[in-house]
Amino acid sequence: VIVDLAAVGGGNCELTKLNEAYTTPNGIKIIGYADLPARMAEQASAMYAQNMANLLRHVQGKEKAAGFLPNLSKHLDDGEAGDIVSRSIVCCRNGQPVQMPP
């Protein structure tokens, strides 16, 4: 796969076709979209949303939304034995700084 970010100015690849994505006869996909930065915003947003949903599912566990705060508190109370992901997303608790995991 070749993504030619300079497609607007003629491209860095001789085979780049402006505003096209195609596959050469030998199987190389060449992408020459002029609006590639504009296309990335939607993808980046979707990926961020998926990551946030996965983080919440990880912390809440099988208890779903009702288990989020109890699980988070348990992981913080357990200290080093608590879940490192849960402990990494909290910077303070009850007005006191939380020791970050290594």
Protein backbone atom coordinates (compact mmCIF):
# COMPACT_ATOMS: atom_id res chain seq x y z
CA VAL A 1 0.00 0.00 0.00
CA ILE A 2 1.29 3.46 -0.94
CA VAL A 3 -0.49 6.48 0.51
CA ASP A 4 0.75 9.50 -1.41
CA LEU A 5 0.20 12.55 0.80
CA ALA A 6 1.62 14.81 -1.93
CA ALA A 7 -0.96 13.80 -4.54
CA VAL A 8 -2.24 17.39 -4.86
CA GLY A 9 1.13 18.58 -6.14
CA GLY A 10 1.62 15.69 -8.54
CA GLY A 11 2.55 13.09 -5.98
CA ASN A 12 5.73 11.43 -4.82
CA CYS A 13 4.91 8.25 -6.72
CA GLU A 14 4.91 8.31 -10.51
CA LEU A 15 1.81 6.12 -10.61
CA THR A 16 -0.31 8.28 -8.29
CA LYS A 17 -3.65 9.33 -9.78
CA LEU A 18 -5.16 12.41 -8.15
CA ASN A 19 -8.31 11.63 -6.11
CA GLU A 20 -8.15 7.93 -6.88
CA ALA A 21 -7.30 4.74 -5.07
CA TYR A 22 -6.46 1.86 -7.33
CA THR A 23 -4.52 -1.37 -7.44
CA THR A 24 -1.71 -1.85 -9.93
CA PRO A 25 -1.52 -5.05 -12.00
CA ASN A 26 1.11 -6.43 -9.59
CA GLY A 27 -1.13 -5.90 -6.53
CA ILE A 28 0.14 -2.58 -5.09
CA LYS A 29 -2.66 -0.31 -3.85
CA ILE A 30 -1.90 3.39 -4.46
CA ILE A 31 -4.02 6.01 -2.71
CA GLY A 32 -3.83 9.56 -4.06
CA TYR A 33 -6.72 11.40 -2.42
CA ALA A 34 -6.30 15.17 -2.26
CA ASP A 35 -8.60 15.39 0.78
CA LEU A 36 -6.93 12.71 2.88
CA PRO A 37 -6.62 14.89 6.02
CA ALA A 38 -10.36 15.63 5.87
CA ARG A 39 -11.12 11.91 5.59
CA MET A 40 -9.11 11.10 8.71
CA ALA A 41 -11.24 13.10 11.15
CA GLU A 42 -14.18 10.71 10.95
CA GLN A 43 -11.96 7.65 11.32
CA ALA A 44 -10.06 9.18 14.25
CA SER A 45 -13.32 10.07 15.98
CA ALA A 46 -14.68 6.55 15.53
CA MET A 47 -11.47 4.99 16.86
CA TYR A 48 -11.46 7.30 19.90
CA ALA A 49 -15.10 6.48 20.64
CA GLN A 50 -14.36 2.75 20.41
CA ASN A 51 -11.37 3.10 22.75
CA MET A 52 -13.47 5.01 25.31
CA ALA A 53 -16.24 2.39 25.14
CA ASN A 54 -13.68 -0.39 25.67
CA LEU A 55 -12.17 1.47 28.64
CA LEU A 56 -15.57 1.83 30.30
CA ARG A 57 -16.40 -1.84 29.67
CA HIS A 58 -13.06 -2.84 31.19
CA VAL A 59 -13.62 -0.85 34.38
CA GLN A 60 -17.30 -1.68 34.85
CA GLY A 61 -16.82 -5.41 34.42
CA LYS A 62 -19.77 -7.78 34.27
CA GLU A 63 -21.90 -5.51 36.45
CA LYS A 64 -22.38 -3.08 33.53
CA ALA A 65 -22.86 0.64 34.34
CA ALA A 66 -23.92 -0.01 37.93
CA GLY A 67 -20.53 -1.58 38.62
CA PHE A 68 -18.40 1.26 37.29
CA LEU A 69 -17.88 3.30 40.47
CA PRO A 70 -17.78 0.33 42.88
CA ASN A 71 -15.21 -1.44 40.69
CA LEU A 72 -13.15 1.70 40.29
CA SER A 73 -13.15 2.28 44.05
CA LYS A 74 -12.18 -1.34 44.68
CA HIS A 75 -9.24 -1.13 42.29
CA LEU A 76 -8.05 2.07 43.96
CA ASP A 77 -8.48 0.59 47.46
CA ASP A 78 -6.48 -2.50 46.44
CA GLY A 79 -3.42 -0.35 45.70
CA GLU A 80 -0.70 -2.20 43.78
CA ALA A 81 -2.92 -5.29 43.60
CA GLY A 82 -5.70 -3.30 41.89
CA ASP A 83 -6.24 -3.13 38.15
CA ILE A 84 -3.51 -0.98 36.59
CA VAL A 85 -5.81 0.40 33.89
CA SER A 86 -8.35 1.58 36.44
CA ARG A 87 -5.65 3.08 38.65
CA SER A 88 -4.11 4.90 35.67
CA ILE A 89 -7.24 6.92 34.81
CA VAL A 90 -7.68 8.52 38.24
CA CYS A 91 -5.44 11.41 39.28
CA CYS A 92 -7.12 12.39 42.58
CA ARG A 93 -9.60 10.90 45.01
CA ASN A 94 -11.36 12.66 47.88
CA GLY A 95 -9.22 15.72 47.22
CA GLN A 96 -5.96 13.78 47.53
CA PRO A 97 -3.55 12.83 44.73
CA VAL A 98 -3.58 9.18 43.74
CA GLN A 99 -0.20 7.46 43.40
CA MET A 100 0.18 6.56 39.75
CA PRO A 101 1.24 3.02 38.87
CA PRO A 102 4.73 2.58 37.43
